[in-house]
Amino acid sequence: MAFAGDGAYGDHPHVHLALQKPPDMTTEGFDRLLKEMATTTKGIGQQFDIKSYRDEGWLGYMVDHGFHGLMEQLTFTAVCPKH
């Protein structure tokens, strides 16, 4: 899932992503991969936070500013030939 938001005051554009790790990858390995991708991808910016959620709390966090930011075109099942 992907949600775009502008922050509480409308001056902090950001994106929330919900990603599932490949079944054969550890949580730590997936976190390392995400950090590597975030630091080497132009346009990501200087700040990123990776949080693991194992309960229904993740959805509340994602939509805390409403469903208007849902980015359906980024919501799909990934096909990764490497993993």
PDB file of N, CA and C in Angstrom:
ATOM      1  N   MET A   1       0.842  -1.169   0.000  1.00  0.00           N
ATOM      2  CA  MET A   1       0.000   0.000   0.000  1.00  0.00           C
ATOM      3  C   MET A   1       0.884   1.228   0.000  1.00  0.00           C
ATOM      4  N   ALA A   2       0.383   2.283  -0.565  1.00  0.00           N
ATOM      5  CA  ALA A   2       1.115   3.544  -0.597  1.00  0.00           C
ATOM      6  C   ALA A   2       0.157   4.696  -0.338  1.00  0.00           C
ATOM      7  N   PHE A   3       0.568   5.603   0.532  1.00  0.00           N
ATOM      8  CA  PHE A   3      -0.199   6.800   0.840  1.00  0.00           C
ATOM      9  C   PHE A   3       0.725   8.001   0.772  1.00  0.00           C
ATOM     10  N   ALA A   4       0.259   9.061   0.147  1.00  0.00           N
ATOM     11  CA  ALA A   4       1.001  10.319   0.113  1.00  0.00           C
ATOM     12  C   ALA A   4       0.346  11.272   1.101  1.00  0.00           C
ATOM     13  N   GLY A   5       1.157  12.035   1.807  1.00  0.00           N
ATOM     14  CA  GLY A   5       0.640  13.000   2.768  1.00  0.00           C
ATOM     15  C   GLY A   5       1.422  14.285   2.714  1.00  0.00           C
ATOM     16  N   ASP A   6       0.843  15.336   3.314  1.00  0.00           N
ATOM     17  CA  ASP A   6       1.490  16.645   3.354  1.00  0.00           C
ATOM     18  C   ASP A   6       1.864  17.072   4.766  1.00  0.00           C
ATOM     19  N   GLY A   7       1.654  16.222   5.746  1.00  0.00           N
ATOM     20  CA  GLY A   7       1.962  16.566   7.129  1.00  0.00           C
ATOM     21  C   GLY A   7       0.847  17.375   7.764  1.00  0.00           C
ATOM     22  N   ALA A   8       0.943  17.554   9.057  1.00  0.00           N
ATOM     23  CA  ALA A   8      -0.109  18.228   9.826  1.00  0.00           C
ATOM     24  C   ALA A   8      -0.341  19.665   9.377  1.00  0.00           C
ATOM     25  N   TYR A   9       0.705  20.345   8.911  1.00  0.00           N
ATOM     26  CA  TYR A   9       0.588  21.745   8.517  1.00  0.00           C
ATOM     27  C   TYR A   9       0.637  21.953   7.009  1.00  0.00           C
ATOM     28  N   GLY A  10       0.652  20.864   6.260  1.00  0.00           N
ATOM     29  CA  GLY A  10       0.648  20.957   4.808  1.00  0.00           C
ATOM     30  C   GLY A  10       1.976  21.332   4.192  1.00  0.00           C
ATOM     31  N   ASP A  11       3.045  21.259   4.960  1.00  0.00           N
ATOM     32  CA  ASP A  11       4.353  21.674   4.447  1.00  0.00           C
ATOM     33  C   ASP A  11       5.415  20.571   4.558  1.00  0.00           C
ATOM     34  N   HIS A  12       4.965  19.332   4.694  1.00  0.00           N
ATOM     35  CA  HIS A  12       5.903  18.211   4.848  1.00  0.00           C
ATOM     36  C   HIS A  12       5.454  17.053   3.950  1.00  0.00           C
ATOM     37  N   PRO A  13       5.702  17.183   2.638  1.00  0.00           N
ATOM     38  CA  PRO A  13       5.286  16.093   1.741  1.00  0.00           C
ATOM     39  C   PRO A  13       6.057  14.815   2.046  1.00  0.00           C
ATOM     40  N   HIS A  14       5.327  13.715   2.095  1.00  0.00           N
ATOM     41  CA  HIS A  14       5.960  12.432   2.399  1.00  0.00           C
ATOM     42  C   HIS A  14       5.072  11.297   1.902  1.00  0.00           C
ATOM     43  N   VAL A  15       5.642  10.102   1.895  1.00  0.00           N
ATOM     44  CA  VAL A  15       4.925   8.909   1.449  1.00  0.00           C
ATOM     45  C   VAL A  15       5.063   7.827   2.510  1.00  0.00           C
ATOM     46  N   HIS A  16       3.968   7.140   2.761  1.00  0.00           N
ATOM     47  CA  HIS A  16       3.972   5.959   3.624  1.00  0.00           C
ATOM     48  C   HIS A  16       3.814   4.745   2.715  1.00  0.00           C
ATOM     49  N   LEU A  17       4.659   3.757   2.887  1.00  0.00           N
ATOM     50  CA  LEU A  17       4.576   2.524   2.103  1.00  0.00           C
ATOM     51  C   LEU A  17       4.440   1.338   3.044  1.00  0.00           C
ATOM     52  N   ALA A  18       3.595   0.398   2.693  1.00  0.00           N
ATOM     53  CA  ALA A  18       3.521  -0.875   3.412  1.00  0.00           C
ATOM     54  C   ALA A  18       4.072  -1.935   2.475  1.00  0.00           C
ATOM     55  N   LEU A  19       5.147  -2.563   2.891  1.00  0.00           N
ATOM     56  CA  LEU A  19       5.829  -3.551   2.061  1.00  0.00           C
ATOM     57  C   LEU A  19       5.921  -4.874   2.810  1.00  0.00           C
ATOM     58  N   GLN A  20       5.848  -5.953   2.089  1.00  0.00           N
ATOM     59  CA  GLN A  20       6.035  -7.267   2.683  1.00  0.00           C
ATOM     60  C   GLN A  20       7.344  -7.845   2.182  1.00  0.00           C
ATOM     61  N   LYS A  21       8.136  -8.353   3.096  1.00  0.00           N
ATOM     62  CA  LYS A  21       9.427  -8.917   2.710  1.00  0.00           C
ATOM     63  C   LYS A  21       9.231 -10.222   1.950  1.00  0.00           C
ATOM     64  N   PRO A  22      10.170 -10.567   1.093  1.00  0.00           N
ATOM     65  CA  PRO A  22      10.115 -11.875   0.436  1.00  0.00           C
ATOM     66  C   PRO A  22      10.159 -12.980   1.489  1.00  0.00           C
ATOM     67  N   PRO A  23       9.471 -14.092   1.265  1.00  0.00           N
ATOM     68  CA  PRO A  23       9.410 -15.146   2.285  1.00  0.00           C
ATOM     69  C   PRO A  23      10.764 -15.761   2.646  1.00  0.00           C
ATOM     70  N   ASP A  24      11.714 -15.711   1.747  1.00  0.00           N
ATOM     71  CA  ASP A  24      13.018 -16.314   2.030  1.00  0.00           C
ATOM     72  C   ASP A  24      14.042 -15.316   2.569  1.00  0.00           C
ATOM     73  N   MET A  25      13.594 -14.121   2.952  1.00  0.00           N
ATOM     74  CA  MET A  25      14.503 -13.093   3.437  1.00  0.00           C
ATOM     75  C   MET A  25      14.192 -12.809   4.908  1.00  0.00           C
ATOM     76  N   THR A  26      15.232 -12.571   5.701  1.00  0.00           N
ATOM     77  CA  THR A  26      15.019 -12.215   7.103  1.00  0.00           C
ATOM     78  C   THR A  26      14.532 -10.770   7.195  1.00  0.00           C
ATOM     79  N   THR A  27      13.939 -10.447   8.314  1.00  0.00           N
ATOM     80  CA  THR A  27      13.499  -9.065   8.541  1.00  0.00           C
ATOM     81  C   THR A  27      14.696  -8.127   8.515  1.00  0.00           C
ATOM     82  N   GLU A  28      15.794  -8.546   9.121  1.00  0.00           N
ATOM     83  CA  GLU A  28      17.001  -7.710   9.149  1.00  0.00           C
ATOM     84  C   GLU A  28      17.561  -7.510   7.743  1.00  0.00           C
ATOM     85  N   GLY A  29      17.566  -8.564   6.946  1.00  0.00           N
ATOM     86  CA  GLY A  29      18.042  -8.459   5.569  1.00  0.00           C
ATOM     87  C   GLY A  29      17.168  -7.536   4.735  1.00  0.00           C
ATOM     88  N   PHE A  30      15.861  -7.613   4.942  1.00  0.00           N
ATOM     89  CA  PHE A  30      14.930  -6.748   4.220  1.00  0.00           C
ATOM     90  C   PHE A  30      15.138  -5.294   4.629  1.00  0.00           C
ATOM     91  N   ASP A  31      15.312  -5.051   5.926  1.00  0.00           N
ATOM     92  CA  ASP A  31      15.589  -3.689   6.394  1.00  0.00           C
ATOM     93  C   ASP A  31      16.860  -3.139   5.765  1.00  0.00           C
ATOM     94  N   ARG A  32      17.919  -3.959   5.702  1.00  0.00           N
ATOM     95  CA  ARG A  32      19.172  -3.520   5.072  1.00  0.00           C
ATOM     96  C   ARG A  32      18.957  -3.183   3.601  1.00  0.00           C
ATOM     97  N   LEU A  33      18.195  -4.023   2.900  1.00  0.00           N
ATOM     98  CA  LEU A  33      17.910  -3.781   1.489  1.00  0.00           C
ATOM     99  C   LEU A  33      17.150  -2.469   1.306  1.00  0.00           C
ATOM    100  N   LEU A  34      16.133  -2.235   2.131  1.00  0.00           N
ATOM    101  CA  LEU A  34      15.364  -0.984   2.032  1.00  0.00           C
ATOM    102  C   LEU A  34      16.237   0.234   2.308  1.00  0.00           C
ATOM    103  N   LYS A  35      17.090   0.149   3.325  1.00  0.00           N
ATOM    104  CA  LYS A  35      17.985   1.270   3.643  1.00  0.00           C
ATOM    105  C   LYS A  35      18.951   1.539   2.493  1.00  0.00           C
ATOM    106  N   GLU A  36      19.479   0.477   1.905  1.00  0.00           N
ATOM    107  CA  GLU A  36      20.378   0.641   0.763  1.00  0.00           C
ATOM    108  C   GLU A  36      19.654   1.299  -0.405  1.00  0.00           C
ATOM    109  N   MET A  37      18.453   0.844  -0.682  1.00  0.00           N
ATOM    110  CA  MET A  37      17.681   1.422  -1.786  1.00  0.00           C
ATOM    111  C   MET A  37      17.354   2.885  -1.518  1.00  0.00           C
ATOM    112  N   ALA A  38      16.984   3.209  -0.277  1.00  0.00           N
ATOM    113  CA  ALA A  38      16.625   4.589   0.059  1.00  0.00           C
ATOM    114  C   ALA A  38      17.821   5.526  -0.033  1.00  0.00           C
ATOM    115  N   THR A  39      18.998   5.050   0.334  1.00  0.00           N
ATOM    116  CA  THR A  39      20.167   5.930   0.320  1.00  0.00           C
ATOM    117  C   THR A  39      20.813   6.037  -1.060  1.00  0.00           C
ATOM    118  N   THR A  40      20.472   5.152  -1.973  1.00  0.00           N
ATOM    119  CA  THR A  40      21.086   5.198  -3.304  1.00  0.00           C
ATOM    120  C   THR A  40      20.106   5.614  -4.401  1.00  0.00           C
ATOM    121  N   THR A  41      18.852   5.856  -4.062  1.00  0.00           N
ATOM    122  CA  THR A  41      17.854   6.249  -5.053  1.00  0.00           C
ATOM    123  C   THR A  41      17.680   7.761  -5.048  1.00  0.00           C
ATOM    124  N   LYS A  42      17.977   8.384  -6.154  1.00  0.00           N
ATOM    125  CA  LYS A  42      17.859   9.837  -6.278  1.00  0.00           C
ATOM    126  C   LYS A  42      16.402  10.251  -6.083  1.00  0.00           C
ATOM    127  N   GLY A  43      16.198  11.278  -5.288  1.00  0.00           N
ATOM    128  CA  GLY A  43      14.860  11.801  -5.069  1.00  0.00           C
ATOM    129  C   GLY A  43      14.174  11.315  -3.812  1.00  0.00           C
ATOM    130  N   ILE A  44      14.754  10.333  -3.132  1.00  0.00           N
ATOM    131  CA  ILE A  44      14.133   9.828  -1.904  1.00  0.00           C
ATOM    132  C   ILE A  44      14.232  10.867  -0.797  1.00  0.00           C
ATOM    133  N   GLY A  45      15.288  11.606  -0.754  1.00  0.00           N
ATOM    134  CA  GLY A  45      15.465  12.601   0.294  1.00  0.00           C
ATOM    135  C   GLY A  45      16.402  12.113   1.378  1.00  0.00           C
ATOM    136  N   GLN A  46      16.485  12.872   2.435  1.00  0.00           N
ATOM    137  CA  GLN A  46      17.432  12.575   3.501  1.00  0.00           C
ATOM    138  C   GLN A  46      16.822  11.805   4.654  1.00  0.00           C
ATOM    139  N   GLN A  47      15.508  11.750   4.743  1.00  0.00           N
ATOM    140  CA  GLN A  47      14.875  11.098   5.882  1.00  0.00           C
ATOM    141  C   GLN A  47      14.026   9.926   5.437  1.00  0.00           C
ATOM    142  N   PHE A  48      14.191   8.812   6.107  1.00  0.00           N
ATOM    143  CA  PHE A  48      13.315   7.673   5.906  1.00  0.00           C
ATOM    144  C   PHE A  48      13.285   6.877   7.197  1.00  0.00           C
ATOM    145  N   ASP A  49      12.153   6.333   7.506  1.00  0.00           N
ATOM    146  CA  ASP A  49      11.970   5.535   8.711  1.00  0.00           C
ATOM    147  C   ASP A  49      11.418   4.178   8.305  1.00  0.00           C
ATOM    148  N   ILE A  50      11.999   3.130   8.831  1.00  0.00           N
ATOM    149  CA  ILE A  50      11.531   1.774   8.574  1.00  0.00           C
ATOM    150  C   ILE A  50      11.007   1.223   9.890  1.00  0.00           C
ATOM    151  N   LYS A  51       9.732   0.858   9.904  1.00  0.00           N
ATOM    152  CA  LYS A  51       9.113   0.322  11.115  1.00  0.00           C
ATOM    153  C   LYS A  51       8.452  -0.997  10.778  1.00  0.00           C
ATOM    154  N   SER A  52       8.676  -1.979  11.628  1.00  0.00           N
ATOM    155  CA  SER A  52       8.030  -3.280  11.455  1.00  0.00           C
ATOM    156  C   SER A  52       6.737  -3.302  12.252  1.00  0.00           C
ATOM    157  N   TYR A  53       5.667  -3.719  11.606  1.00  0.00           N
ATOM    158  CA  TYR A  53       4.377  -3.870  12.268  1.00  0.00           C
ATOM    159  C   TYR A  53       3.933  -5.314  12.129  1.00  0.00           C
ATOM    160  N   ARG A  54       3.471  -5.887  13.201  1.00  0.00           N
ATOM    161  CA  ARG A  54       3.003  -7.267  13.190  1.00  0.00           C
ATOM    162  C   ARG A  54       1.545  -7.369  13.622  1.00  0.00           C
ATOM    163  N   ASP A  55       0.853  -6.241  13.705  1.00  0.00           N
ATOM    164  CA  ASP A  55      -0.552  -6.251  14.095  1.00  0.00           C
ATOM    165  C   ASP A  55      -1.318  -5.235  13.269  1.00  0.00           C
ATOM    166  N   GLU A  56      -2.568  -5.026  13.617  1.00  0.00           N
ATOM    167  CA  GLU A  56      -3.412  -4.123  12.829  1.00  0.00           C
ATOM    168  C   GLU A  56      -3.017  -2.658  12.969  1.00  0.00           C
ATOM    169  N   GLY A  57      -2.086  -2.305  13.833  1.00  0.00           N
ATOM    170  CA  GLY A  57      -1.671  -0.924  14.016  1.00  0.00           C
ATOM    171  C   GLY A  57      -1.083  -0.277  12.769  1.00  0.00           C
ATOM    172  N   TRP A  58      -0.547  -1.057  11.852  1.00  0.00           N
ATOM    173  CA  TRP A  58       0.079  -0.490  10.659  1.00  0.00           C
ATOM    174  C   TRP A  58      -0.928   0.250   9.791  1.00  0.00           C
ATOM    175  N   LEU A  59      -2.147  -0.263   9.673  1.00  0.00           N
ATOM    176  CA  LEU A  59      -3.134   0.391   8.817  1.00  0.00           C
ATOM    177  C   LEU A  59      -3.545   1.738   9.400  1.00  0.00           C
ATOM    178  N   GLY A  60      -3.736   1.801  10.691  1.00  0.00           N
ATOM    179  CA  GLY A  60      -4.067   3.071  11.331  1.00  0.00           C
ATOM    180  C   GLY A  60      -2.986   4.113  11.113  1.00  0.00           C
ATOM    181  N   TYR A  61      -1.739   3.684  11.200  1.00  0.00           N
ATOM    182  CA  TYR A  61      -0.611   4.589  10.964  1.00  0.00           C
ATOM    183  C   TYR A  61      -0.619   5.087   9.524  1.00  0.00           C
ATOM    184  N   MET A  62      -0.897   4.184   8.588  1.00  0.00           N
ATOM    185  CA  MET A  62      -0.879   4.544   7.169  1.00  0.00           C
ATOM    186  C   MET A  62      -1.941   5.573   6.826  1.00  0.00           C
ATOM    187  N   VAL A  63      -3.105   5.464   7.394  1.00  0.00           N
ATOM    188  CA  VAL A  63      -4.224   6.320   6.994  1.00  0.00           C
ATOM    189  C   VAL A  63      -4.518   7.413   8.014  1.00  0.00           C
ATOM    190  N   ASP A  64      -3.547   7.744   8.854  1.00  0.00           N
ATOM    191  CA  ASP A  64      -3.799   8.716   9.919  1.00  0.00           C
ATOM    192  C   ASP A  64      -4.203  10.089   9.406  1.00  0.00           C
ATOM    193  N   HIS A  65      -3.974  10.385   8.144  1.00  0.00           N
ATOM    194  CA  HIS A  65      -4.396  11.658   7.559  1.00  0.00           C
ATOM    195  C   HIS A  65      -5.563  11.483   6.592  1.00  0.00           C
ATOM    196  N   GLY A  66      -6.147  10.312   6.540  1.00  0.00           N
ATOM    197  CA  GLY A  66      -7.297  10.068   5.668  1.00  0.00           C
ATOM    198  C   GLY A  66      -6.929   9.251   4.445  1.00  0.00           C
ATOM    199  N   PHE A  67      -7.959   8.766   3.765  1.00  0.00           N
ATOM    200  CA  PHE A  67      -7.770   7.919   2.593  1.00  0.00           C
ATOM    201  C   PHE A  67      -7.542   8.717   1.305  1.00  0.00           C
ATOM    202  N   HIS A  68      -7.635  10.041   1.361  1.00  0.00           N
ATOM    203  CA  HIS A  68      -7.448  10.846   0.148  1.00  0.00           C
ATOM    204  C   HIS A  68      -6.046  10.695  -0.443  1.00  0.00           C
ATOM    205  N   GLY A  69      -5.090  10.267   0.359  1.00  0.00           N
ATOM    206  CA  GLY A  69      -3.722  10.124  -0.130  1.00  0.00           C
ATOM    207  C   GLY A  69      -3.394   8.744  -0.681  1.00  0.00           C
ATOM    208  N   LEU A  70      -4.389   7.841  -0.751  1.00  0.00           N
ATOM    209  CA  LEU A  70      -4.132   6.502  -1.263  1.00  0.00           C
ATOM    210  C   LEU A  70      -3.627   6.579  -2.700  1.00  0.00           C
ATOM    211  N   MET A  71      -2.527   5.926  -2.965  1.00  0.00           N
ATOM    212  CA  MET A  71      -1.930   5.924  -4.302  1.00  0.00           C
ATOM    213  C   MET A  71      -2.133   4.532  -4.889  1.00  0.00           C
ATOM    214  N   GLU A  72      -3.300   4.306  -5.459  1.00  0.00           N
ATOM    215  CA  GLU A  72      -3.650   2.979  -5.960  1.00  0.00           C
ATOM    216  C   GLU A  72      -2.699   2.477  -7.035  1.00  0.00           C
ATOM    217  N   GLN A  73      -2.132   3.366  -7.837  1.00  0.00           N
ATOM    218  CA  GLN A  73      -1.237   2.940  -8.901  1.00  0.00           C
ATOM    219  C   GLN A  73       0.060   2.350  -8.358  1.00  0.00           C
ATOM    220  N   LEU A  74       0.356   2.560  -7.067  1.00  0.00           N
ATOM    221  CA  LEU A  74       1.552   1.977  -6.451  1.00  0.00           C
ATOM    222  C   LEU A  74       1.205   0.775  -5.580  1.00  0.00           C
ATOM    223  N   THR A  75      -0.053   0.377  -5.582  1.00  0.00           N
ATOM    224  CA  THR A  75      -0.500  -0.725  -4.738  1.00  0.00           C
ATOM    225  C   THR A  75      -0.735  -1.959  -5.590  1.00  0.00           C
ATOM    226  N   PHE A  76       0.213  -2.874  -5.526  1.00  0.00           N
ATOM    227  CA  PHE A  76       0.126  -4.095  -6.318  1.00  0.00           C
ATOM    228  C   PHE A  76       1.049  -5.147  -5.717  1.00  0.00           C
ATOM    229  N   THR A  77       0.876  -6.367  -6.113  1.00  0.00           N
ATOM    230  CA  THR A  77       1.753  -7.437  -5.681  1.00  0.00           C
ATOM    231  C   THR A  77       3.023  -7.399  -6.517  1.00  0.00           C
ATOM    232  N   ALA A  78       4.153  -7.339  -5.843  1.00  0.00           N
ATOM    233  CA  ALA A  78       5.437  -7.251  -6.541  1.00  0.00           C
ATOM    234  C   ALA A  78       5.856  -8.602  -7.086  1.00  0.00           C
ATOM    235  N   VAL A  79       6.585  -8.554  -8.173  1.00  0.00           N
ATOM    236  CA  VAL A  79       7.183  -9.752  -8.749  1.00  0.00           C
ATOM    237  C   VAL A  79       8.693  -9.476  -8.790  1.00  0.00           C
ATOM    238  N   CYS A  80       9.424 -10.169  -7.947  1.00  0.00           N
ATOM    239  CA  CYS A  80      10.866  -9.929  -7.838  1.00  0.00           C
ATOM    240  C   CYS A  80      11.607 -11.190  -8.283  1.00  0.00           C
ATOM    241  N   PRO A  81      12.261 -11.150  -9.440  1.00  0.00           N
ATOM    242  CA  PRO A  81      12.954 -12.356  -9.927  1.00  0.00           C
ATOM    243  C   PRO A  81      14.145 -12.772  -9.074  1.00  0.00           C
ATOM    244  N   LYS A  82      14.700 -11.852  -8.289  1.00  0.00           N
ATOM    245  CA  LYS A  82      15.876 -12.166  -7.479  1.00  0.00           C
ATOM    246  C   LYS A  82      15.505 -12.900  -6.200  1.00  0.00           C
ATOM    247  N   HIS A  83      14.367 -12.574  -5.632  1.00  0.00           N
ATOM    248  CA  HIS A  83      13.959 -13.166  -4.341  1.00  0.00           C
ATOM    249  C   HIS A  83      12.728 -14.004  -4.567  1.00  0.00           C
TER     250      HIS A  83
END
